[in-house]
Amino acid sequence: LQQRHLTTYASFAAQFERAAVELAEREQDPRLASLQVSSRQFDRW
C-alpha cells in the first residue's frame, strides 16, 4: 500500500472497487463488480 500511495481506507477502497469492476468485465461475472472491503477488514489486513 505504501509503495502505491494507498495509505488511507478511502484511497484503497476506490482502487479496490475499480479493480473489482475490471475483474467483473474480464471474467464476464457481473457480481464481482459489487465486491467491497469494509473499513474494519482493511484495518485487520
ModelCIF file with pLDDT and N, C-alpha, C, O atoms, coordinates in Angstrom:
data_MODEL
#
_entry.id   MODEL 
#
_entity.id                         1 
_entity.type                       polymer 
_entity.pdbx_number_of_molecules   1 
#
_entity_poly.entity_id                      1 
_entity_poly.type                           'polypeptide(L)' 
_entity_poly.nstd_linkage                   no 
_entity_poly.nstd_monomer                   no 
_entity_poly.pdbx_seq_one_letter_code       LQQRHLTTYASFAAQFERAAVELAEREQDPRLASLQVSSRQFDRW 
_entity_poly.pdbx_seq_one_letter_code_can   LQQRHLTTYASFAAQFERAAVELAEREQDPRLASLQVSSRQFDRW 
_entity_poly.pdbx_strand_id                 A 
#
loop_
_entity_poly_seq.entity_id 
_entity_poly_seq.num 
_entity_poly_seq.mon_id 
_entity_poly_seq.hetero 
1 1  LEU n 
1 2  GLN n 
1 3  GLN n 
1 4  ARG n 
1 5  HIS n 
1 6  LEU n 
1 7  THR n 
1 8  THR n 
1 9  TYR n 
1 10 ALA n 
1 11 SER n 
1 12 PHE n 
1 13 ALA n 
1 14 ALA n 
1 15 GLN n 
1 16 PHE n 
1 17 GLU n 
1 18 ARG n 
1 19 ALA n 
1 20 ALA n 
1 21 VAL n 
1 22 GLU n 
1 23 LEU n 
1 24 ALA n 
1 25 GLU n 
1 26 ARG n 
1 27 GLU n 
1 28 GLN n 
1 29 ASP n 
1 30 PRO n 
1 31 ARG n 
1 32 LEU n 
1 33 ALA n 
1 34 SER n 
1 35 LEU n 
1 36 GLN n 
1 37 VAL n 
1 38 SER n 
1 39 SER n 
1 40 ARG n 
1 41 GLN n 
1 42 PHE n 
1 43 ASP n 
1 44 ARG n 
1 45 TRP n 
#
_struct_asym.id          A 
_struct_asym.entity_id   1 
#
loop_
_ma_qa_metric.id 
_ma_qa_metric.mode 
_ma_qa_metric.name 
_ma_qa_metric.software_group_id 
_ma_qa_metric.type 
1 global pLDDT . pLDDT 
2 local  pLDDT . pLDDT 
#
_ma_qa_metric_global.metric_id      1 
_ma_qa_metric_global.metric_value   93.22 
_ma_qa_metric_global.model_id       1 
_ma_qa_metric_global.ordinal_id     1 
#
loop_
_ma_qa_metric_local.label_asym_id 
_ma_qa_metric_local.label_comp_id 
_ma_qa_metric_local.label_seq_id 
_ma_qa_metric_local.metric_id 
_ma_qa_metric_local.metric_value 
_ma_qa_metric_local.model_id 
_ma_qa_metric_local.ordinal_id 
A LEU 1  2 94.00 1 1  
A GLN 2  2 93.00 1 2  
A GLN 3  2 95.00 1 3  
A ARG 4  2 94.00 1 4  
A HIS 5  2 94.00 1 5  
A LEU 6  2 93.00 1 6  
A THR 7  2 87.00 1 7  
A THR 8  2 94.00 1 8  
A TYR 9  2 96.00 1 9  
A ALA 10 2 97.00 1 10 
A SER 11 2 96.00 1 11 
A PHE 12 2 95.00 1 12 
A ALA 13 2 96.00 1 13 
A ALA 14 2 96.00 1 14 
A GLN 15 2 95.00 1 15 
A PHE 16 2 94.00 1 16 
A GLU 17 2 95.00 1 17 
A ARG 18 2 96.00 1 18 
A ALA 19 2 94.00 1 19 
A ALA 20 2 94.00 1 20 
A VAL 21 2 96.00 1 21 
A GLU 22 2 95.00 1 22 
A LEU 23 2 93.00 1 23 
A ALA 24 2 95.00 1 24 
A GLU 25 2 96.00 1 25 
A ARG 26 2 94.00 1 26 
A GLU 27 2 93.00 1 27 
A GLN 28 2 96.00 1 28 
A ASP 29 2 93.00 1 29 
A PRO 30 2 95.00 1 30 
A ARG 31 2 92.00 1 31 
A LEU 32 2 92.00 1 32 
A ALA 33 2 94.00 1 33 
A SER 34 2 93.00 1 34 
A LEU 35 2 91.00 1 35 
A GLN 36 2 92.00 1 36 
A VAL 37 2 91.00 1 37 
A SER 38 2 92.00 1 38 
A SER 39 2 94.00 1 39 
A ARG 40 2 91.00 1 40 
A GLN 41 2 88.00 1 41 
A PHE 42 2 91.00 1 42 
A ASP 43 2 89.00 1 43 
A ARG 44 2 86.00 1 44 
A TRP 45 2 85.00 1 45 
#
loop_
_atom_site.group_PDB 
_atom_site.id 
_atom_site.type_symbol 
_atom_site.label_atom_id 
_atom_site.label_alt_id 
_atom_site.label_comp_id 
_atom_site.label_asym_id 
_atom_site.label_entity_id 
_atom_site.label_seq_id 
_atom_site.pdbx_PDB_ins_code 
_atom_site.Cartn_x 
_atom_site.Cartn_y 
_atom_site.Cartn_z 
_atom_site.occupancy 
_atom_site.B_iso_or_equiv 
_atom_site.pdbx_formal_charge 
_atom_site.auth_seq_id 
_atom_site.auth_comp_id 
_atom_site.auth_asym_id 
_atom_site.auth_atom_id 
_atom_site.pdbx_PDB_model_num 
ATOM 1   N N  . LEU A 1 1  ? 0.835   -1.214  0.000   1.00 94.00 ? 1  LEU A N  1 
ATOM 2   C CA . LEU A 1 1  ? 0.000   0.000   0.000   1.00 94.00 ? 1  LEU A CA 1 
ATOM 3   C C  . LEU A 1 1  ? 0.860   1.251   0.000   1.00 94.00 ? 1  LEU A C  1 
ATOM 4   O O  . LEU A 1 1  ? 0.569   2.205   -0.722  1.00 94.00 ? 1  LEU A O  1 
ATOM 5   N N  . GLN A 1 2  ? 1.907   1.257   0.794   1.00 93.00 ? 2  GLN A N  1 
ATOM 6   C CA . GLN A 1 2  ? 2.799   2.418   0.834   1.00 93.00 ? 2  GLN A CA 1 
ATOM 7   C C  . GLN A 1 2  ? 3.457   2.658   -0.521  1.00 93.00 ? 2  GLN A C  1 
ATOM 8   O O  . GLN A 1 2  ? 3.569   3.801   -0.964  1.00 93.00 ? 2  GLN A O  1 
ATOM 9   N N  . GLN A 1 3  ? 3.885   1.599   -1.172  1.00 95.00 ? 3  GLN A N  1 
ATOM 10  C CA . GLN A 1 3  ? 4.511   1.731   -2.487  1.00 95.00 ? 3  GLN A CA 1 
ATOM 11  C C  . GLN A 1 3  ? 3.559   2.328   -3.517  1.00 95.00 ? 3  GLN A C  1 
ATOM 12  O O  . GLN A 1 3  ? 3.983   3.023   -4.440  1.00 95.00 ? 3  GLN A O  1 
ATOM 13  N N  . ARG A 1 4  ? 2.268   2.050   -3.349  1.00 94.00 ? 4  ARG A N  1 
ATOM 14  C CA . ARG A 1 4  ? 1.254   2.533   -4.289  1.00 94.00 ? 4  ARG A CA 1 
ATOM 15  C C  . ARG A 1 4  ? 0.563   3.803   -3.795  1.00 94.00 ? 4  ARG A C  1 
ATOM 16  O O  . ARG A 1 4  ? -0.387  4.280   -4.416  1.00 94.00 ? 4  ARG A O  1 
ATOM 17  N N  . HIS A 1 5  ? 1.044   4.347   -2.677  1.00 94.00 ? 5  HIS A N  1 
ATOM 18  C CA . HIS A 1 5  ? 0.495   5.571   -2.085  1.00 94.00 ? 5  HIS A CA 1 
ATOM 19  C C  . HIS A 1 5  ? -0.992  5.424   -1.755  1.00 94.00 ? 5  HIS A C  1 
ATOM 20  O O  . HIS A 1 5  ? -1.773  6.357   -1.933  1.00 94.00 ? 5  HIS A O  1 
ATOM 21  N N  . LEU A 1 6  ? -1.363  4.256   -1.278  1.00 93.00 ? 6  LEU A N  1 
ATOM 22  C CA . LEU A 1 6  ? -2.736  3.979   -0.855  1.00 93.00 ? 6  LEU A CA 1 
ATOM 23  C C  . LEU A 1 6  ? -2.735  3.856   0.662   1.00 93.00 ? 6  LEU A C  1 
ATOM 24  O O  . LEU A 1 6  ? -2.913  2.764   1.202   1.00 93.00 ? 6  LEU A O  1 
ATOM 25  N N  . THR A 1 7  ? -2.537  4.962   1.339   1.00 87.00 ? 7  THR A N  1 
ATOM 26  C CA . THR A 1 7  ? -2.323  4.930   2.782   1.00 87.00 ? 7  THR A CA 1 
ATOM 27  C C  . THR A 1 7  ? -3.591  5.156   3.602   1.00 87.00 ? 7  THR A C  1 
ATOM 28  O O  . THR A 1 7  ? -3.542  5.111   4.831   1.00 87.00 ? 7  THR A O  1 
ATOM 29  N N  . THR A 1 8  ? -4.710  5.394   2.952   1.00 94.00 ? 8  THR A N  1 
ATOM 30  C CA . THR A 1 8  ? -5.969  5.553   3.677   1.00 94.00 ? 8  THR A CA 1 
ATOM 31  C C  . THR A 1 8  ? -6.975  4.525   3.170   1.00 94.00 ? 8  THR A C  1 
ATOM 32  O O  . THR A 1 8  ? -6.848  3.995   2.066   1.00 94.00 ? 8  THR A O  1 
ATOM 33  N N  . TYR A 1 9  ? -7.971  4.260   3.999   1.00 96.00 ? 9  TYR A N  1 
ATOM 34  C CA . TYR A 1 9  ? -9.023  3.329   3.586   1.00 96.00 ? 9  TYR A CA 1 
ATOM 35  C C  . TYR A 1 9  ? -9.721  3.838   2.329   1.00 96.00 ? 9  TYR A C  1 
ATOM 36  O O  . TYR A 1 9  ? -9.996  3.060   1.415   1.00 96.00 ? 9  TYR A O  1 
ATOM 37  N N  . ALA A 1 10 ? -10.009 5.132   2.276   1.00 97.00 ? 10 ALA A N  1 
ATOM 38  C CA . ALA A 1 10 ? -10.732 5.698   1.126   1.00 97.00 ? 10 ALA A CA 1 
ATOM 39  C C  . ALA A 1 10 ? -9.958  5.489   -0.179  1.00 97.00 ? 10 ALA A C  1 
ATOM 40  O O  . ALA A 1 10 ? -10.547 5.123   -1.196  1.00 97.00 ? 10 ALA A O  1 
ATOM 41  N N  . SER A 1 11 ? -8.655  5.719   -0.152  1.00 96.00 ? 11 SER A N  1 
ATOM 42  C CA . SER A 1 11 ? -7.873  5.539   -1.383  1.00 96.00 ? 11 SER A CA 1 
ATOM 43  C C  . SER A 1 11 ? -7.789  4.063   -1.767  1.00 96.00 ? 11 SER A C  1 
ATOM 44  O O  . SER A 1 11 ? -7.872  3.723   -2.947  1.00 96.00 ? 11 SER A O  1 
ATOM 45  N N  . PHE A 1 12 ? -7.625  3.184   -0.771  1.00 95.00 ? 12 PHE A N  1 
ATOM 46  C CA . PHE A 1 12 ? -7.602  1.751   -1.052  1.00 95.00 ? 12 PHE A CA 1 
ATOM 47  C C  . PHE A 1 12 ? -8.947  1.286   -1.606  1.00 95.00 ? 12 PHE A C  1 
ATOM 48  O O  . PHE A 1 12 ? -8.994  0.568   -2.605  1.00 95.00 ? 12 PHE A O  1 
ATOM 49  N N  . ALA A 1 13 ? -10.034 1.693   -0.963  1.00 96.00 ? 13 ALA A N  1 
ATOM 50  C CA . ALA A 1 13 ? -11.371 1.254   -1.372  1.00 96.00 ? 13 ALA A CA 1 
ATOM 51  C C  . ALA A 1 13 ? -11.677 1.674   -2.804  1.00 96.00 ? 13 ALA A C  1 
ATOM 52  O O  . ALA A 1 13 ? -12.263 0.904   -3.565  1.00 96.00 ? 13 ALA A O  1 
ATOM 53  N N  . ALA A 1 14 ? -11.288 2.881   -3.171  1.00 96.00 ? 14 ALA A N  1 
ATOM 54  C CA . ALA A 1 14 ? -11.531 3.350   -4.538  1.00 96.00 ? 14 ALA A CA 1 
ATOM 55  C C  . ALA A 1 14 ? -10.793 2.472   -5.548  1.00 96.00 ? 14 ALA A C  1 
ATOM 56  O O  . ALA A 1 14 ? -11.362 2.092   -6.571  1.00 96.00 ? 14 ALA A O  1 
ATOM 57  N N  . GLN A 1 15 ? -9.532  2.150   -5.267  1.00 95.00 ? 15 GLN A N  1 
ATOM 58  C CA . GLN A 1 15 ? -8.761  1.294   -6.175  1.00 95.00 ? 15 GLN A CA 1 
ATOM 59  C C  . GLN A 1 15 ? -9.303  -0.124  -6.199  1.00 95.00 ? 15 GLN A C  1 
ATOM 60  O O  . GLN A 1 15 ? -9.369  -0.754  -7.254  1.00 95.00 ? 15 GLN A O  1 
ATOM 61  N N  . PHE A 1 16 ? -9.691  -0.624  -5.033  1.00 94.00 ? 16 PHE A N  1 
ATOM 62  C CA . PHE A 1 16 ? -10.236 -1.978  -4.959  1.00 94.00 ? 16 PHE A CA 1 
ATOM 63  C C  . PHE A 1 16 ? -11.520 -2.077  -5.779  1.00 94.00 ? 16 PHE A C  1 
ATOM 64  O O  . PHE A 1 16 ? -11.713 -3.040  -6.523  1.00 94.00 ? 16 PHE A O  1 
ATOM 65  N N  . GLU A 1 17 ? -12.388 -1.090  -5.644  1.00 95.00 ? 17 GLU A N  1 
ATOM 66  C CA . GLU A 1 17 ? -13.653 -1.113  -6.376  1.00 95.00 ? 17 GLU A CA 1 
ATOM 67  C C  . GLU A 1 17 ? -13.420 -1.016  -7.887  1.00 95.00 ? 17 GLU A C  1 
ATOM 68  O O  . GLU A 1 17 ? -14.119 -1.667  -8.663  1.00 95.00 ? 17 GLU A O  1 
ATOM 69  N N  . ARG A 1 18 ? -12.449 -0.212  -8.306  1.00 96.00 ? 18 ARG A N  1 
ATOM 70  C CA . ARG A 1 18 ? -12.109 -0.151  -9.744  1.00 96.00 ? 18 ARG A CA 1 
ATOM 71  C C  . ARG A 1 18 ? -11.607 -1.506  -10.234 1.00 96.00 ? 18 ARG A C  1 
ATOM 72  O O  . ARG A 1 18 ? -11.985 -1.967  -11.311 1.00 96.00 ? 18 ARG A O  1 
ATOM 73  N N  . ALA A 1 19 ? -10.758 -2.133  -9.435  1.00 94.00 ? 19 ALA A N  1 
ATOM 74  C CA . ALA A 1 19 ? -10.229 -3.446  -9.809  1.00 94.00 ? 19 ALA A CA 1 
ATOM 75  C C  . ALA A 1 19 ? -11.348 -4.481  -9.872  1.00 94.00 ? 19 ALA A C  1 
ATOM 76  O O  . ALA A 1 19 ? -11.331 -5.356  -10.737 1.00 94.00 ? 19 ALA A O  1 
ATOM 77  N N  . ALA A 1 20 ? -12.318 -4.392  -8.967  1.00 94.00 ? 20 ALA A N  1 
ATOM 78  C CA . ALA A 1 20 ? -13.446 -5.331  -8.979  1.00 94.00 ? 20 ALA A CA 1 
ATOM 79  C C  . ALA A 1 20 ? -14.260 -5.186  -10.261 1.00 94.00 ? 20 ALA A C  1 
ATOM 80  O O  . ALA A 1 20 ? -14.686 -6.184  -10.843 1.00 94.00 ? 20 ALA A O  1 
ATOM 81  N N  . VAL A 1 21 ? -14.474 -3.953  -10.701 1.00 96.00 ? 21 VAL A N  1 
ATOM 82  C CA . VAL A 1 21 ? -15.218 -3.718  -11.946 1.00 96.00 ? 21 VAL A CA 1 
ATOM 83  C C  . VAL A 1 21 ? -14.443 -4.297  -13.132 1.00 96.00 ? 21 VAL A C  1 
ATOM 84  O O  . VAL A 1 21 ? -15.021 -4.956  -13.996 1.00 96.00 ? 21 VAL A O  1 
ATOM 85  N N  . GLU A 1 22 ? -13.135 -4.047  -13.167 1.00 95.00 ? 22 GLU A N  1 
ATOM 86  C CA . GLU A 1 22 ? -12.308 -4.579  -14.253 1.00 95.00 ? 22 GLU A CA 1 
ATOM 87  C C  . GLU A 1 22 ? -12.322 -6.104  -14.251 1.00 95.00 ? 22 GLU A C  1 
ATOM 88  O O  . GLU A 1 22 ? -12.408 -6.722  -15.312 1.00 95.00 ? 22 GLU A O  1 
ATOM 89  N N  . LEU A 1 23 ? -12.238 -6.712  -13.078 1.00 93.00 ? 23 LEU A N  1 
ATOM 90  C CA . LEU A 1 23 ? -12.276 -8.166  -12.968 1.00 93.00 ? 23 LEU A CA 1 
ATOM 91  C C  . LEU A 1 23 ? -13.624 -8.703  -13.448 1.00 93.00 ? 23 LEU A C  1 
ATOM 92  O O  . LEU A 1 23 ? -13.683 -9.710  -14.155 1.00 93.00 ? 23 LEU A O  1 
ATOM 93  N N  . ALA A 1 24 ? -14.690 -8.034  -13.064 1.00 95.00 ? 24 ALA A N  1 
ATOM 94  C CA . ALA A 1 24 ? -16.034 -8.464  -13.482 1.00 95.00 ? 24 ALA A CA 1 
ATOM 95  C C  . ALA A 1 24 ? -16.155 -8.461  -15.002 1.00 95.00 ? 24 ALA A C  1 
ATOM 96  O O  . ALA A 1 24 ? -16.722 -9.380  -15.593 1.00 95.00 ? 24 ALA A O  1 
ATOM 97  N N  . GLU A 1 25 ? -15.616 -7.419  -15.625 1.00 96.00 ? 25 GLU A N  1 
ATOM 98  C CA . GLU A 1 25 ? -15.660 -7.343  -17.088 1.00 96.00 ? 25 GLU A CA 1 
ATOM 99  C C  . GLU A 1 25 ? -14.802 -8.431  -17.715 1.00 96.00 ? 25 GLU A C  1 
ATOM 100 O O  . GLU A 1 25 ? -15.225 -9.095  -18.662 1.00 96.00 ? 25 GLU A O  1 
ATOM 101 N N  . ARG A 1 26 ? -13.602 -8.611  -17.187 1.00 94.00 ? 26 ARG A N  1 
ATOM 102 C CA . ARG A 1 26 ? -12.681 -9.607  -17.741 1.00 94.00 ? 26 ARG A CA 1 
ATOM 103 C C  . ARG A 1 26 ? -13.232 -11.020 -17.597 1.00 94.00 ? 26 ARG A C  1 
ATOM 104 O O  . ARG A 1 26 ? -13.123 -11.832 -18.516 1.00 94.00 ? 26 ARG A O  1 
ATOM 105 N N  . GLU A 1 27 ? -13.822 -11.310 -16.443 1.00 93.00 ? 27 GLU A N  1 
ATOM 106 C CA . GLU A 1 27 ? -14.329 -12.651 -16.164 1.00 93.00 ? 27 GLU A CA 1 
ATOM 107 C C  . GLU A 1 27 ? -15.778 -12.839 -16.615 1.00 93.00 ? 27 GLU A C  1 
ATOM 108 O O  . GLU A 1 27 ? -16.332 -13.934 -16.512 1.00 93.00 ? 27 GLU A O  1 
ATOM 109 N N  . GLN A 1 28 ? -16.377 -11.776 -17.110 1.00 96.00 ? 28 GLN A N  1 
ATOM 110 C CA . GLN A 1 28 ? -17.793 -11.797 -17.522 1.00 96.00 ? 28 GLN A CA 1 
ATOM 111 C C  . GLN A 1 28 ? -18.672 -12.326 -16.388 1.00 96.00 ? 28 GLN A C  1 
ATOM 112 O O  . GLN A 1 28 ? -19.528 -13.190 -16.582 1.00 96.00 ? 28 GLN A O  1 
ATOM 113 N N  . ASP A 1 29 ? -18.429 -11.777 -15.202 1.00 93.00 ? 29 ASP A N  1 
ATOM 114 C CA . ASP A 1 29 ? -19.164 -12.156 -13.995 1.00 93.00 ? 29 ASP A CA 1 
ATOM 115 C C  . ASP A 1 29 ? -19.588 -10.869 -13.282 1.00 93.00 ? 29 ASP A C  1 
ATOM 116 O O  . ASP A 1 29 ? -18.840 -10.356 -12.451 1.00 93.00 ? 29 ASP A O  1 
ATOM 117 N N  . PRO A 1 30 ? -20.782 -10.338 -13.594 1.00 95.00 ? 30 PRO A N  1 
ATOM 118 C CA . PRO A 1 30 ? -21.208 -9.043  -13.073 1.00 95.00 ? 30 PRO A CA 1 
ATOM 119 C C  . PRO A 1 30 ? -21.241 -8.951  -11.545 1.00 95.00 ? 30 PRO A C  1 
ATOM 120 O O  . PRO A 1 30 ? -21.104 -7.855  -11.000 1.00 95.00 ? 30 PRO A O  1 
ATOM 121 N N  . ARG A 1 31 ? -21.416 -10.051 -10.857 1.00 92.00 ? 31 ARG A N  1 
ATOM 122 C CA . ARG A 1 31 ? -21.482 -9.985  -9.397  1.00 92.00 ? 31 ARG A CA 1 
ATOM 123 C C  . ARG A 1 31 ? -20.156 -9.534  -8.793  1.00 92.00 ? 31 ARG A C  1 
ATOM 124 O O  . ARG A 1 31 ? -20.141 -8.982  -7.693  1.00 92.00 ? 31 ARG A O  1 
ATOM 125 N N  . LEU A 1 32 ? -19.052 -9.757  -9.485  1.00 92.00 ? 32 LEU A N  1 
ATOM 126 C CA . LEU A 1 32 ? -17.745 -9.339  -8.973  1.00 92.00 ? 32 LEU A CA 1 
ATOM 127 C C  . LEU A 1 32 ? -17.618 -7.821  -8.892  1.00 92.00 ? 32 LEU A C  1 
ATOM 128 O O  . LEU A 1 32 ? -16.837 -7.315  -8.086  1.00 92.00 ? 32 LEU A O  1 
ATOM 129 N N  . ALA A 1 33 ? -18.359 -7.095  -9.699  1.00 94.00 ? 33 ALA A N  1 
ATOM 130 C CA . ALA A 1 33 ? -18.277 -5.640  -9.709  1.00 94.00 ? 33 ALA A CA 1 
ATOM 131 C C  . ALA A 1 33 ? -18.739 -5.031  -8.395  1.00 94.00 ? 33 ALA A C  1 
ATOM 132 O O  . ALA A 1 33 ? -18.407 -3.884  -8.098  1.00 94.00 ? 33 ALA A O  1 
ATOM 133 N N  . SER A 1 34 ? -19.494 -5.773  -7.609  1.00 93.00 ? 34 SER A N  1 
ATOM 134 C CA . SER A 1 34 ? -20.004 -5.234  -6.351  1.00 93.00 ? 34 SER A CA 1 
ATOM 135 C C  . SER A 1 34 ? -19.129 -5.584  -5.144  1.00 93.00 ? 34 SER A C  1 
ATOM 136 O O  . SER A 1 34 ? -19.486 -5.261  -4.012  1.00 93.00 ? 34 SER A O  1 
ATOM 137 N N  . LEU A 1 35 ? -18.001 -6.233  -5.372  1.00 91.00 ? 35 LEU A N  1 
ATOM 138 C CA . LEU A 1 35 ? -17.116 -6.588  -4.256  1.00 91.00 ? 35 LEU A CA 1 
ATOM 139 C C  . LEU A 1 35 ? -16.588 -5.336  -3.563  1.00 91.00 ? 35 LEU A C  1 
ATOM 140 O O  . LEU A 1 35 ? -16.211 -4.361  -4.214  1.00 91.00 ? 35 LEU A O  1 
ATOM 141 N N  . GLN A 1 36 ? -16.568 -5.377  -2.252  1.00 92.00 ? 36 GLN A N  1 
ATOM 142 C CA . GLN A 1 36 ? -16.036 -4.284  -1.450  1.00 92.00 ? 36 GLN A CA 1 
ATOM 143 C C  . GLN A 1 36 ? -15.312 -4.858  -0.247  1.00 92.00 ? 36 GLN A C  1 
ATOM 144 O O  . GLN A 1 36 ? -15.533 -6.005  0.141   1.00 92.00 ? 36 GLN A O  1 
ATOM 145 N N  . VAL A 1 37 ? -14.451 -4.052  0.334   1.00 91.00 ? 37 VAL A N  1 
ATOM 146 C CA . VAL A 1 37 ? -13.765 -4.409  1.567   1.00 91.00 ? 37 VAL A CA 1 
ATOM 147 C C  . VAL A 1 37 ? -14.194 -3.381  2.607   1.00 91.00 ? 37 VAL A C  1 
ATOM 148 O O  . VAL A 1 37 ? -14.094 -2.176  2.374   1.00 91.00 ? 37 VAL A O  1 
ATOM 149 N N  . SER A 1 38 ? -14.669 -3.856  3.754   1.00 92.00 ? 38 SER A N  1 
ATOM 150 C CA . SER A 1 38 ? -15.095 -2.937  4.815   1.00 92.00 ? 38 SER A CA 1 
ATOM 151 C C  . SER A 1 38 ? -13.873 -2.257  5.436   1.00 92.00 ? 38 SER A C  1 
ATOM 152 O O  . SER A 1 38 ? -12.749 -2.748  5.329   1.00 92.00 ? 38 SER A O  1 
ATOM 153 N N  . SER A 1 39 ? -14.112 -1.140  6.072   1.00 94.00 ? 39 SER A N  1 
ATOM 154 C CA . SER A 1 39 ? -13.007 -0.439  6.728   1.00 94.00 ? 39 SER A CA 1 
ATOM 155 C C  . SER A 1 39 ? -12.414 -1.300  7.842   1.00 94.00 ? 39 SER A C  1 
ATOM 156 O O  . SER A 1 39 ? -11.205 -1.264  8.074   1.00 94.00 ? 39 SER A O  1 
ATOM 157 N N  . ARG A 1 40 ? -13.255 -2.075  8.531   1.00 91.00 ? 40 ARG A N  1 
ATOM 158 C CA . ARG A 1 40 ? -12.756 -2.958  9.582   1.00 91.00 ? 40 ARG A CA 1 
ATOM 159 C C  . ARG A 1 40 ? -11.851 -4.047  9.001   1.00 91.00 ? 40 ARG A C  1 
ATOM 160 O O  . ARG A 1 40 ? -10.803 -4.354  9.569   1.00 91.00 ? 40 ARG A O  1 
ATOM 161 N N  . GLN A 1 41 ? -12.256 -4.627  7.873   1.00 88.00 ? 41 GLN A N  1 
ATOM 162 C CA . GLN A 1 41 ? -11.421 -5.656  7.238   1.00 88.00 ? 41 GLN A CA 1 
ATOM 163 C C  . GLN A 1 41 ? -10.101 -5.055  6.770   1.00 88.00 ? 41 GLN A C  1 
ATOM 164 O O  . GLN A 1 41 ? -9.048  -5.674  6.921   1.00 88.00 ? 41 GLN A O  1 
ATOM 165 N N  . PHE A 1 42 ? -10.153 -3.862  6.208   1.00 91.00 ? 42 PHE A N  1 
ATOM 166 C CA . PHE A 1 42 ? -8.945  -3.161  5.784   1.00 91.00 ? 42 PHE A CA 1 
ATOM 167 C C  . PHE A 1 42 ? -8.007  -2.982  6.976   1.00 91.00 ? 42 PHE A C  1 
ATOM 168 O O  . PHE A 1 42 ? -6.807  -3.232  6.870   1.00 91.00 ? 42 PHE A O  1 
ATOM 169 N N  . ASP A 1 43 ? -8.560  -2.549  8.108   1.00 89.00 ? 43 ASP A N  1 
ATOM 170 C CA . ASP A 1 43 ? -7.744  -2.355  9.309   1.00 89.00 ? 43 ASP A CA 1 
ATOM 171 C C  . ASP A 1 43 ? -7.120  -3.665  9.775   1.00 89.00 ? 43 ASP A C  1 
ATOM 172 O O  . ASP A 1 43 ? -5.968  -3.684  10.210  1.00 89.00 ? 43 ASP A O  1 
ATOM 173 N N  . ARG A 1 44 ? -7.865  -4.749  9.687   1.00 86.00 ? 44 ARG A N  1 
ATOM 174 C CA . ARG A 1 44 ? -7.321  -6.059  10.071  1.00 86.00 ? 44 ARG A CA 1 
ATOM 175 C C  . ARG A 1 44 ? -6.162  -6.447  9.163   1.00 86.00 ? 44 ARG A C  1 
ATOM 176 O O  . ARG A 1 44 ? -5.112  -6.887  9.632   1.00 86.00 ? 44 ARG A O  1 
ATOM 177 N N  . TRP A 1 45 ? -6.362  -6.280  7.865   1.00 85.00 ? 45 TRP A N  1 
ATOM 178 C CA . TRP A 1 45 ? -5.294  -6.608  6.921   1.00 85.00 ? 45 TRP A CA 1 
ATOM 179 C C  . TRP A 1 45 ? -4.075  -5.733  7.181   1.00 85.00 ? 45 TRP A C  1 
ATOM 180 O O  . TRP A 1 45 ? -3.066  -5.858  6.487   1.00 85.00 ? 45 TRP A O  1 
#
